[in-house]
Amino acid sequence: MVYTLTVHMYAKDDPDAIERLRLKLIEAARIYRKDKETVDWFVMQDVHDPRAFTVVERFEQESSQKYHLENPYWKTFDPYVIPLLAKPMDLRRHEELDTSKDVVVPQ
């Protein structure tokens, strides 16, 4: 099954920080989705709170992160992004559930 990371980021209360974070995430998605064994790399901005961003990183398997971490761009990401944040990133790791087969839900 697909290994997924979700990362929630909250920008400082500063229009420049919000815009810089937004642009950096777009740039990162365009680079990272080309990494070997990366299924996709989505970036989103909350429709009600422009300071709130979510990244969904989908990999073929957990070990696929190796290619992501070996990408030279990765070394530039945190040093640029962290100063723009109001609080630490909230990173969660998931194994996507297999929804391809019928299931019986207990009554």
PDB file of N, CA and C in Angstrom:
ATOM      1  N   MET A   1       0.839  -1.191   0.000  1.00  0.00           N
ATOM      2  CA  MET A   1       0.000   0.000   0.000  1.00  0.00           C
ATOM      3  C   MET A   1       0.880   1.249   0.000  1.00  0.00           C
ATOM      4  N   VAL A   2       0.285   2.335  -0.336  1.00  0.00           N
ATOM      5  CA  VAL A   2       1.002   3.607  -0.434  1.00  0.00           C
ATOM      6  C   VAL A   2       1.305   4.145   0.966  1.00  0.00           C
ATOM      7  N   TYR A   3       2.541   4.623   1.129  1.00  0.00           N
ATOM      8  CA  TYR A   3       2.974   5.240   2.379  1.00  0.00           C
ATOM      9  C   TYR A   3       2.805   6.745   2.220  1.00  0.00           C
ATOM     10  N   THR A   4       2.122   7.352   3.175  1.00  0.00           N
ATOM     11  CA  THR A   4       1.764   8.768   3.043  1.00  0.00           C
ATOM     12  C   THR A   4       2.197   9.567   4.264  1.00  0.00           C
ATOM     13  N   LEU A   5       2.735  10.738   3.993  1.00  0.00           N
ATOM     14  CA  LEU A   5       3.036  11.703   5.048  1.00  0.00           C
ATOM     15  C   LEU A   5       2.114  12.891   4.859  1.00  0.00           C
ATOM     16  N   THR A   6       1.544  13.375   5.942  1.00  0.00           N
ATOM     17  CA  THR A   6       0.834  14.649   5.892  1.00  0.00           C
ATOM     18  C   THR A   6       1.575  15.599   6.819  1.00  0.00           C
ATOM     19  N   VAL A   7       1.799  16.790   6.304  1.00  0.00           N
ATOM     20  CA  VAL A   7       2.531  17.799   7.067  1.00  0.00           C
ATOM     21  C   VAL A   7       1.678  19.063   7.109  1.00  0.00           C
ATOM     22  N   HIS A   8       1.348  19.480   8.317  1.00  0.00           N
ATOM     23  CA  HIS A   8       0.578  20.708   8.497  1.00  0.00           C
ATOM     24  C   HIS A   8       1.546  21.808   8.909  1.00  0.00           C
ATOM     25  N   MET A   9       1.434  22.951   8.231  1.00  0.00           N
ATOM     26  CA  MET A   9       2.299  24.096   8.513  1.00  0.00           C
ATOM     27  C   MET A   9       1.425  25.323   8.743  1.00  0.00           C
ATOM     28  N   TYR A  10       1.857  26.158   9.669  1.00  0.00           N
ATOM     29  CA  TYR A  10       1.100  27.369   9.993  1.00  0.00           C
ATOM     30  C   TYR A  10       2.042  28.562   9.920  1.00  0.00           C
ATOM     31  N   ALA A  11       1.820  29.419   8.935  1.00  0.00           N
ATOM     32  CA  ALA A  11       2.701  30.562   8.686  1.00  0.00           C
ATOM     33  C   ALA A  11       2.552  31.637   9.757  1.00  0.00           C
ATOM     34  N   LYS A  12       3.590  32.434   9.890  1.00  0.00           N
ATOM     35  CA  LYS A  12       3.533  33.605  10.764  1.00  0.00           C
ATOM     36  C   LYS A  12       2.442  34.550  10.271  1.00  0.00           C
ATOM     37  N   ASP A  13       1.960  35.394  11.159  1.00  0.00           N
ATOM     38  CA  ASP A  13       0.915  36.354  10.816  1.00  0.00           C
ATOM     39  C   ASP A  13       1.544  37.547  10.094  1.00  0.00           C
ATOM     40  N   ASP A  14       1.959  37.282   8.865  1.00  0.00           N
ATOM     41  CA  ASP A  14       2.661  38.273   8.057  1.00  0.00           C
ATOM     42  C   ASP A  14       2.391  37.929   6.593  1.00  0.00           C
ATOM     43  N   PRO A  15       1.772  38.821   5.835  1.00  0.00           N
ATOM     44  CA  PRO A  15       1.450  38.520   4.433  1.00  0.00           C
ATOM     45  C   PRO A  15       2.660  38.065   3.613  1.00  0.00           C
ATOM     46  N   ASP A  16       3.831  38.622   3.887  1.00  0.00           N
ATOM     47  CA  ASP A  16       5.035  38.216   3.161  1.00  0.00           C
ATOM     48  C   ASP A  16       5.417  36.773   3.490  1.00  0.00           C
ATOM     49  N   ALA A  17       5.336  36.391   4.756  1.00  0.00           N
ATOM     50  CA  ALA A  17       5.652  35.011   5.164  1.00  0.00           C
ATOM     51  C   ALA A  17       4.673  34.033   4.531  1.00  0.00           C
ATOM     52  N   ILE A  18       3.398  34.385   4.504  1.00  0.00           N
ATOM     53  CA  ILE A  18       2.382  33.518   3.900  1.00  0.00           C
ATOM     54  C   ILE A  18       2.674  33.310   2.413  1.00  0.00           C
ATOM     55  N   GLU A  19       2.962  34.386   1.710  1.00  0.00           N
ATOM     56  CA  GLU A  19       3.227  34.296   0.268  1.00  0.00           C
ATOM     57  C   GLU A  19       4.514  33.537  -0.021  1.00  0.00           C
ATOM     58  N   ARG A  20       5.540  33.788   0.751  1.00  0.00           N
ATOM     59  CA  ARG A  20       6.811  33.077   0.558  1.00  0.00           C
ATOM     60  C   ARG A  20       6.644  31.581   0.809  1.00  0.00           C
ATOM     61  N   LEU A  21       5.883  31.218   1.854  1.00  0.00           N
ATOM     62  CA  LEU A  21       5.629  29.807   2.136  1.00  0.00           C
ATOM     63  C   LEU A  21       4.817  29.176   1.005  1.00  0.00           C
ATOM     64  N   ARG A  22       3.806  29.873   0.549  1.00  0.00           N
ATOM     65  CA  ARG A  22       2.964  29.370  -0.545  1.00  0.00           C
ATOM     66  C   ARG A  22       3.818  29.081  -1.786  1.00  0.00           C
ATOM     67  N   LEU A  23       4.663  30.018  -2.154  1.00  0.00           N
ATOM     68  CA  LEU A  23       5.501  29.846  -3.343  1.00  0.00           C
ATOM     69  C   LEU A  23       6.533  28.727  -3.162  1.00  0.00           C
ATOM     70  N   LYS A  24       7.118  28.621  -1.964  1.00  0.00           N
ATOM     71  CA  LYS A  24       8.104  27.569  -1.709  1.00  0.00           C
ATOM     72  C   LYS A  24       7.452  26.193  -1.794  1.00  0.00           C
ATOM     73  N   LEU A  25       6.227  26.069  -1.287  1.00  0.00           N
ATOM     74  CA  LEU A  25       5.537  24.779  -1.344  1.00  0.00           C
ATOM     75  C   LEU A  25       5.193  24.396  -2.778  1.00  0.00           C
ATOM     76  N   ILE A  26       4.806  25.361  -3.585  1.00  0.00           N
ATOM     77  CA  ILE A  26       4.534  25.084  -5.000  1.00  0.00           C
ATOM     78  C   ILE A  26       5.819  24.614  -5.686  1.00  0.00           C
ATOM     79  N   GLU A  27       6.907  25.328  -5.436  1.00  0.00           N
ATOM     80  CA  GLU A  27       8.201  24.943  -6.009  1.00  0.00           C
ATOM     81  C   GLU A  27       8.578  23.528  -5.566  1.00  0.00           C
ATOM     82  N   ALA A  28       8.439  23.246  -4.285  1.00  0.00           N
ATOM     83  CA  ALA A  28       8.801  21.932  -3.744  1.00  0.00           C
ATOM     84  C   ALA A  28       7.976  20.823  -4.393  1.00  0.00           C
ATOM     85  N   ALA A  29       6.685  21.046  -4.551  1.00  0.00           N
ATOM     86  CA  ALA A  29       5.826  20.028  -5.166  1.00  0.00           C
ATOM     87  C   ALA A  29       6.287  19.728  -6.585  1.00  0.00           C
ATOM     88  N   ARG A  30       6.630  20.751  -7.327  1.00  0.00           N
ATOM     89  CA  ARG A  30       7.055  20.570  -8.725  1.00  0.00           C
ATOM     90  C   ARG A  30       8.373  19.791  -8.802  1.00  0.00           C
ATOM     91  N   ILE A  31       9.203  19.916  -7.787  1.00  0.00           N
ATOM     92  CA  ILE A  31      10.477  19.189  -7.746  1.00  0.00           C
ATOM     93  C   ILE A  31      10.287  17.779  -7.189  1.00  0.00           C
ATOM     94  N   TYR A  32       9.661  17.680  -6.028  1.00  0.00           N
ATOM     95  CA  TYR A  32       9.565  16.395  -5.337  1.00  0.00           C
ATOM     96  C   TYR A  32       8.693  15.369  -6.042  1.00  0.00           C
ATOM     97  N   ARG A  33       7.680  15.802  -6.784  1.00  0.00           N
ATOM     98  CA  ARG A  33       6.827  14.794  -7.425  1.00  0.00           C
ATOM     99  C   ARG A  33       7.566  14.056  -8.537  1.00  0.00           C
ATOM    100  N   LYS A  34       8.757  14.519  -8.892  1.00  0.00           N
ATOM    101  CA  LYS A  34       9.575  13.843  -9.903  1.00  0.00           C
ATOM    102  C   LYS A  34      10.521  12.809  -9.286  1.00  0.00           C
ATOM    103  N   ASP A  35      10.618  12.773  -7.950  1.00  0.00           N
ATOM    104  CA  ASP A  35      11.516  11.825  -7.295  1.00  0.00           C
ATOM    105  C   ASP A  35      11.086  10.386  -7.569  1.00  0.00           C
ATOM    106  N   LYS A  36      12.072   9.522  -7.679  1.00  0.00           N
ATOM    107  CA  LYS A  36      11.828   8.099  -7.866  1.00  0.00           C
ATOM    108  C   LYS A  36      10.927   7.569  -6.737  1.00  0.00           C
ATOM    109  N   GLU A  37       9.960   6.742  -7.087  1.00  0.00           N
ATOM    110  CA  GLU A  37       9.017   6.091  -6.166  1.00  0.00           C
ATOM    111  C   GLU A  37       8.105   7.062  -5.422  1.00  0.00           C
ATOM    112  N   THR A  38       8.012   8.295  -5.904  1.00  0.00           N
ATOM    113  CA  THR A  38       7.041   9.239  -5.356  1.00  0.00           C
ATOM    114  C   THR A  38       5.778   9.139  -6.197  1.00  0.00           C
ATOM    115  N   VAL A  39       4.652   8.826  -5.556  1.00  0.00           N
ATOM    116  CA  VAL A  39       3.374   8.729  -6.261  1.00  0.00           C
ATOM    117  C   VAL A  39       2.882  10.132  -6.590  1.00  0.00           C
ATOM    118  N   ASP A  40       2.920  11.019  -5.604  1.00  0.00           N
ATOM    119  CA  ASP A  40       2.590  12.426  -5.822  1.00  0.00           C
ATOM    120  C   ASP A  40       2.953  13.231  -4.591  1.00  0.00           C
ATOM    121  N   TRP A  41       2.938  14.531  -4.742  1.00  0.00           N
ATOM    122  CA  TRP A  41       3.314  15.461  -3.675  1.00  0.00           C
ATOM    123  C   TRP A  41       2.376  16.651  -3.795  1.00  0.00           C
ATOM    124  N   PHE A  42       1.325  16.668  -2.989  1.00  0.00           N
ATOM    125  CA  PHE A  42       0.277  17.686  -3.068  1.00  0.00           C
ATOM    126  C   PHE A  42       0.510  18.790  -2.035  1.00  0.00           C
ATOM    127  N   VAL A  43       0.203  20.023  -2.412  1.00  0.00           N
ATOM    128  CA  VAL A  43       0.245  21.135  -1.466  1.00  0.00           C
ATOM    129  C   VAL A  43      -1.109  21.835  -1.480  1.00  0.00           C
ATOM    130  N   MET A  44      -1.571  22.223  -0.306  1.00  0.00           N
ATOM    131  CA  MET A  44      -2.886  22.847  -0.170  1.00  0.00           C
ATOM    132  C   MET A  44      -2.821  24.001   0.819  1.00  0.00           C
ATOM    133  N   GLN A  45      -3.696  24.988   0.582  1.00  0.00           N
ATOM    134  CA  GLN A  45      -3.830  26.122   1.487  1.00  0.00           C
ATOM    135  C   GLN A  45      -5.279  26.147   1.960  1.00  0.00           C
ATOM    136  N   ASP A  46      -5.484  26.312   3.245  1.00  0.00           N
ATOM    137  CA  ASP A  46      -6.819  26.316   3.836  1.00  0.00           C
ATOM    138  C   ASP A  46      -7.671  27.434   3.228  1.00  0.00           C
ATOM    139  N   VAL A  47      -8.913  27.127   2.919  1.00  0.00           N
ATOM    140  CA  VAL A  47      -9.794  28.124   2.289  1.00  0.00           C
ATOM    141  C   VAL A  47     -10.289  29.175   3.280  1.00  0.00           C
ATOM    142  N   HIS A  48     -10.229  28.890   4.574  1.00  0.00           N
ATOM    143  CA  HIS A  48     -10.708  29.831   5.587  1.00  0.00           C
ATOM    144  C   HIS A  48      -9.575  30.536   6.334  1.00  0.00           C
ATOM    145  N   ASP A  49      -8.411  29.902   6.373  1.00  0.00           N
ATOM    146  CA  ASP A  49      -7.269  30.472   7.096  1.00  0.00           C
ATOM    147  C   ASP A  49      -6.044  30.421   6.175  1.00  0.00           C
ATOM    148  N   PRO A  50      -5.697  31.509   5.517  1.00  0.00           N
ATOM    149  CA  PRO A  50      -4.594  31.489   4.559  1.00  0.00           C
ATOM    150  C   PRO A  50      -3.231  31.184   5.175  1.00  0.00           C
ATOM    151  N   ARG A  51      -3.138  31.186   6.492  1.00  0.00           N
ATOM    152  CA  ARG A  51      -1.876  30.856   7.153  1.00  0.00           C
ATOM    153  C   ARG A  51      -1.659  29.348   7.261  1.00  0.00           C
ATOM    154  N   ALA A  52      -2.710  28.562   7.059  1.00  0.00           N
ATOM    155  CA  ALA A  52      -2.657  27.109   7.250  1.00  0.00           C
ATOM    156  C   ALA A  52      -2.436  26.384   5.919  1.00  0.00           C
ATOM    157  N   PHE A  53      -1.403  25.559   5.896  1.00  0.00           N
ATOM    158  CA  PHE A  53      -1.043  24.788   4.709  1.00  0.00           C
ATOM    159  C   PHE A  53      -0.939  23.312   5.078  1.00  0.00           C
ATOM    160  N   THR A  54      -1.220  22.448   4.113  1.00  0.00           N
ATOM    161  CA  THR A  54      -1.041  21.012   4.288  1.00  0.00           C
ATOM    162  C   THR A  54      -0.318  20.466   3.069  1.00  0.00           C
ATOM    163  N   VAL A  55       0.644  19.600   3.329  1.00  0.00           N
ATOM    164  CA  VAL A  55       1.357  18.880   2.282  1.00  0.00           C
ATOM    165  C   VAL A  55       1.020  17.407   2.454  1.00  0.00           C
ATOM    166  N   VAL A  56       0.692  16.742   1.352  1.00  0.00           N
ATOM    167  CA  VAL A  56       0.451  15.297   1.352  1.00  0.00           C
ATOM    168  C   VAL A  56       1.494  14.682   0.425  1.00  0.00           C
ATOM    169  N   GLU A  57       2.375  13.895   1.029  1.00  0.00           N
ATOM    170  CA  GLU A  57       3.453  13.240   0.284  1.00  0.00           C
ATOM    171  C   GLU A  57       3.107  11.758   0.173  1.00  0.00           C
ATOM    172  N   ARG A  58       2.979  11.261  -1.048  1.00  0.00           N
ATOM    173  CA  ARG A  58       2.598   9.864  -1.258  1.00  0.00           C
ATOM    174  C   ARG A  58       3.758   9.122  -1.922  1.00  0.00           C
ATOM    175  N   PHE A  59       4.181   8.033  -1.265  1.00  0.00           N
ATOM    176  CA  PHE A  59       5.302   7.232  -1.743  1.00  0.00           C
ATOM    177  C   PHE A  59       4.859   5.790  -1.978  1.00  0.00           C
ATOM    178  N   GLU A  60       5.558   5.102  -2.873  1.00  0.00           N
ATOM    179  CA  GLU A  60       5.217   3.711  -3.155  1.00  0.00           C
ATOM    180  C   GLU A  60       5.312   2.852  -1.902  1.00  0.00           C
ATOM    181  N   GLN A  61       6.292   3.133  -1.068  1.00  0.00           N
ATOM    182  CA  GLN A  61       6.474   2.404   0.194  1.00  0.00           C
ATOM    183  C   GLN A  61       7.290   3.284   1.144  1.00  0.00           C
ATOM    184  N   GLU A  62       7.359   2.885   2.392  1.00  0.00           N
ATOM    185  CA  GLU A  62       8.059   3.714   3.373  1.00  0.00           C
ATOM    186  C   GLU A  62       9.515   3.964   2.976  1.00  0.00           C
ATOM    187  N   SER A  63      10.177   2.965   2.450  1.00  0.00           N
ATOM    188  CA  SER A  63      11.590   3.108   2.076  1.00  0.00           C
ATOM    189  C   SER A  63      11.786   4.082   0.902  1.00  0.00           C
ATOM    190  N   SER A  64      10.738   4.420   0.203  1.00  0.00           N
ATOM    191  CA  SER A  64      10.830   5.361  -0.923  1.00  0.00           C
ATOM    192  C   SER A  64      11.243   6.758  -0.470  1.00  0.00           C
ATOM    193  N   GLN A  65      11.066   7.061   0.807  1.00  0.00           N
ATOM    194  CA  GLN A  65      11.478   8.366   1.331  1.00  0.00           C
ATOM    195  C   GLN A  65      12.967   8.599   1.129  1.00  0.00           C
ATOM    196  N   LYS A  66      13.721   7.512   0.987  1.00  0.00           N
ATOM    197  CA  LYS A  66      15.160   7.593   0.770  1.00  0.00           C
ATOM    198  C   LYS A  66      15.477   8.529  -0.396  1.00  0.00           C
ATOM    199  N   TYR A  67      14.756   8.393  -1.491  1.00  0.00           N
ATOM    200  CA  TYR A  67      15.017   9.208  -2.679  1.00  0.00           C
ATOM    201  C   TYR A  67      14.652  10.673  -2.425  1.00  0.00           C
ATOM    202  N   HIS A  68      13.603  10.868  -1.669  1.00  0.00           N
ATOM    203  CA  HIS A  68      13.169  12.219  -1.303  1.00  0.00           C
ATOM    204  C   HIS A  68      14.258  12.900  -0.462  1.00  0.00           C
ATOM    205  N   LEU A  69      14.772  12.192   0.525  1.00  0.00           N
ATOM    206  CA  LEU A  69      15.775  12.755   1.426  1.00  0.00           C
ATOM    207  C   LEU A  69      17.134  12.928   0.746  1.00  0.00           C
ATOM    208  N   GLU A  70      17.381  12.180  -0.325  1.00  0.00           N
ATOM    209  CA  GLU A  70      18.636  12.306  -1.064  1.00  0.00           C
ATOM    210  C   GLU A  70      18.582  13.432  -2.108  1.00  0.00           C
ATOM    211  N   ASN A  71      17.402  13.969  -2.357  1.00  0.00           N
ATOM    212  CA  ASN A  71      17.265  15.054  -3.321  1.00  0.00           C
ATOM    213  C   ASN A  71      17.995  16.291  -2.761  1.00  0.00           C
ATOM    214  N   PRO A  72      18.917  16.886  -3.507  1.00  0.00           N
ATOM    215  CA  PRO A  72      19.656  18.057  -2.995  1.00  0.00           C
ATOM    216  C   PRO A  72      18.740  19.216  -2.564  1.00  0.00           C
ATOM    217  N   TYR A  73      17.573  19.299  -3.156  1.00  0.00           N
ATOM    218  CA  TYR A  73      16.626  20.366  -2.804  1.00  0.00           C
ATOM    219  C   TYR A  73      16.194  20.262  -1.341  1.00  0.00           C
ATOM    220  N   TRP A  74      16.150  19.045  -0.805  1.00  0.00           N
ATOM    221  CA  TRP A  74      15.688  18.821   0.568  1.00  0.00           C
ATOM    222  C   TRP A  74      16.508  19.637   1.576  1.00  0.00           C
ATOM    223  N   LYS A  75      17.803  19.775   1.328  1.00  0.00           N
ATOM    224  CA  LYS A  75      18.670  20.525   2.248  1.00  0.00           C
ATOM    225  C   LYS A  75      18.318  22.009   2.287  1.00  0.00           C
ATOM    226  N   THR A  76      17.646  22.509   1.266  1.00  0.00           N
ATOM    227  CA  THR A  76      17.279  23.929   1.219  1.00  0.00           C
ATOM    228  C   THR A  76      15.888  24.182   1.801  1.00  0.00           C
ATOM    229  N   PHE A  77      15.095  23.130   1.927  1.00  0.00           N
ATOM    230  CA  PHE A  77      13.688  23.304   2.273  1.00  0.00           C
ATOM    231  C   PHE A  77      13.482  23.810   3.706  1.00  0.00           C
ATOM    232  N   ASP A  78      13.916  23.044   4.693  1.00  0.00           N
ATOM    233  CA  ASP A  78      13.709  23.438   6.093  1.00  0.00           C
ATOM    234  C   ASP A  78      14.338  24.798   6.435  1.00  0.00           C
ATOM    235  N   PRO A  79      15.581  25.070   6.018  1.00  0.00           N
ATOM    236  CA  PRO A  79      16.155  26.385   6.353  1.00  0.00           C
ATOM    237  C   PRO A  79      15.339  27.556   5.805  1.00  0.00           C
ATOM    238  N   TYR A  80      14.668  27.358   4.685  1.00  0.00           N
ATOM    239  CA  TYR A  80      13.844  28.424   4.118  1.00  0.00           C
ATOM    240  C   TYR A  80      12.490  28.501   4.814  1.00  0.00           C
ATOM    241  N   VAL A  81      11.872  27.332   5.050  1.00  0.00           N
ATOM    242  CA  VAL A  81      10.490  27.275   5.541  1.00  0.00           C
ATOM    243  C   VAL A  81      10.378  27.553   7.044  1.00  0.00           C
ATOM    244  N   ILE A  82      11.212  26.967   7.845  1.00  0.00           N
ATOM    245  CA  ILE A  82      11.055  27.062   9.302  1.00  0.00           C
ATOM    246  C   ILE A  82      10.966  28.506   9.807  1.00  0.00           C
ATOM    247  N   PRO A  83      11.773  29.443   9.320  1.00  0.00           N
ATOM    248  CA  PRO A  83      11.643  30.831   9.794  1.00  0.00           C
ATOM    249  C   PRO A  83      10.304  31.490   9.429  1.00  0.00           C
ATOM    250  N   LEU A  84       9.581  30.918   8.479  1.00  0.00           N
ATOM    251  CA  LEU A  84       8.291  31.481   8.063  1.00  0.00           C
ATOM    252  C   LEU A  84       7.128  30.977   8.910  1.00  0.00           C
ATOM    253  N   LEU A  85       7.382  29.991   9.781  1.00  0.00           N
ATOM    254  CA  LEU A  85       6.312  29.329  10.528  1.00  0.00           C
ATOM    255  C   LEU A  85       6.091  29.929  11.911  1.00  0.00           C
ATOM    256  N   ALA A  86       4.821  29.944  12.319  1.00  0.00           N
ATOM    257  CA  ALA A  86       4.442  30.421  13.650  1.00  0.00           C
ATOM    258  C   ALA A  86       4.596  29.334  14.703  1.00  0.00           C
ATOM    259  N   LYS A  87       4.599  28.076  14.261  1.00  0.00           N
ATOM    260  CA  LYS A  87       4.762  26.944  15.182  1.00  0.00           C
ATOM    261  C   LYS A  87       5.402  25.789  14.413  1.00  0.00           C
ATOM    262  N   PRO A  88       5.921  24.786  15.111  1.00  0.00           N
ATOM    263  CA  PRO A  88       6.585  23.668  14.421  1.00  0.00           C
ATOM    264  C   PRO A  88       5.630  22.923  13.485  1.00  0.00           C
ATOM    265  N   MET A  89       6.225  22.312  12.466  1.00  0.00           N
ATOM    266  CA  MET A  89       5.442  21.487  11.546  1.00  0.00           C
ATOM    267  C   MET A  89       4.845  20.304  12.307  1.00  0.00           C
ATOM    268  N   ASP A  90       3.646  19.917  11.897  1.00  0.00           N
ATOM    269  CA  ASP A  90       2.972  18.741  12.465  1.00  0.00           C
ATOM    270  C   ASP A  90       3.004  17.661  11.391  1.00  0.00           C
ATOM    271  N   LEU A  91       3.879  16.674  11.561  1.00  0.00           N
ATOM    272  CA  LEU A  91       4.073  15.616  10.569  1.00  0.00           C
ATOM    273  C   LEU A  91       3.424  14.323  11.045  1.00  0.00           C
ATOM    274  N   ARG A  92       2.649  13.702  10.162  1.00  0.00           N
ATOM    275  CA  ARG A  92       1.992  12.429  10.486  1.00  0.00           C
ATOM    276  C   ARG A  92       2.317  11.413   9.400  1.00  0.00           C
ATOM    277  N   ARG A  93       2.520  10.170   9.810  1.00  0.00           N
ATOM    278  CA  ARG A  93       2.861   9.082   8.892  1.00  0.00           C
ATOM    279  C   ARG A  93       1.686   8.110   8.809  1.00  0.00           C
ATOM    280  N   HIS A  94       1.374   7.689   7.572  1.00  0.00           N
ATOM    281  CA  HIS A  94       0.205   6.831   7.360  1.00  0.00           C
ATOM    282  C   HIS A  94       0.511   5.733   6.349  1.00  0.00           C
ATOM    283  N   GLU A  95      -0.156   4.605   6.507  1.00  0.00           N
ATOM    284  CA  GLU A  95      -0.239   3.583   5.478  1.00  0.00           C
ATOM    285  C   GLU A  95      -1.660   3.688   4.946  1.00  0.00           C
ATOM    286  N   GLU A  96      -1.791   3.932   3.645  1.00  0.00           N
ATOM    287  CA  GLU A  96      -3.126   4.045   3.071  1.00  0.00           C
ATOM    288  C   GLU A  96      -3.830   2.688   3.133  1.00  0.00           C
ATOM    289  N   LEU A  97      -5.109   2.722   3.420  1.00  0.00           N
ATOM    290  CA  LEU A  97      -5.903   1.498   3.488  1.00  0.00           C
ATOM    291  C   LEU A  97      -6.258   1.023   2.085  1.00  0.00           C
ATOM    292  N   ASP A  98      -6.351  -0.291   1.931  1.00  0.00           N
ATOM    293  CA  ASP A  98      -6.732  -0.883   0.648  1.00  0.00           C
ATOM    294  C   ASP A  98      -8.253  -0.790   0.522  1.00  0.00           C
ATOM    295  N   THR A  99      -8.705   0.015  -0.394  1.00  0.00           N
ATOM    296  CA  THR A  99     -10.161   0.190  -0.611  1.00  0.00           C
ATOM    297  C   THR A  99     -10.602  -0.466  -1.917  1.00  0.00           C
ATOM    298  N   SER A 100      -9.754  -1.318  -2.495  1.00  0.00           N
ATOM    299  CA  SER A 100     -10.068  -1.942  -3.781  1.00  0.00           C
ATOM    300  C   SER A 100     -11.000  -3.138  -3.671  1.00  0.00           C
ATOM    301  N   LYS A 101     -11.170  -3.677  -2.461  1.00  0.00           N
ATOM    302  CA  LYS A 101     -11.995  -4.875  -2.275  1.00  0.00           C
ATOM    303  C   LYS A 101     -13.215  -4.542  -1.425  1.00  0.00           C
ATOM    304  N   ASP A 102     -14.305  -5.276  -1.675  1.00  0.00           N
ATOM    305  CA  ASP A 102     -15.501  -5.129  -0.856  1.00  0.00           C
ATOM    306  C   ASP A 102     -15.206  -5.563   0.568  1.00  0.00           C
ATOM    307  N   VAL A 103     -15.865  -4.944   1.501  1.00  0.00           N
ATOM    308  CA  VAL A 103     -15.746  -5.318   2.907  1.00  0.00           C
ATOM    309  C   VAL A 103     -17.140  -5.495   3.495  1.00  0.00           C
ATOM    310  N   VAL A 104     -17.195  -6.189   4.598  1.00  0.00           N
ATOM    311  CA  VAL A 104     -18.452  -6.326   5.340  1.00  0.00           C
ATOM    312  C   VAL A 104     -18.272  -5.571   6.645  1.00  0.00           C
ATOM    313  N   VAL A 105     -19.076  -4.572   6.844  1.00  0.00           N
ATOM    314  CA  VAL A 105     -19.000  -3.772   8.055  1.00  0.00           C
ATOM    315  C   VAL A 105     -19.941  -4.388   9.088  1.00  0.00           C
ATOM    316  N   PRO A 106     -19.425  -4.729  10.278  1.00  0.00           N
ATOM    317  CA  PRO A 106     -20.280  -5.337  11.304  1.00  0.00           C
ATOM    318  C   PRO A 106     -21.444  -4.423  11.681  1.00  0.00           C
ATOM    319  N   GLN A 107     -22.555  -5.031  11.953  1.00  0.00           N
ATOM    320  CA  GLN A 107     -23.752  -4.279  12.363  1.00  0.00           C
ATOM    321  C   GLN A 107     -23.634  -3.857  13.814  1.00  0.00           C
TER     322      GLN A 107
END
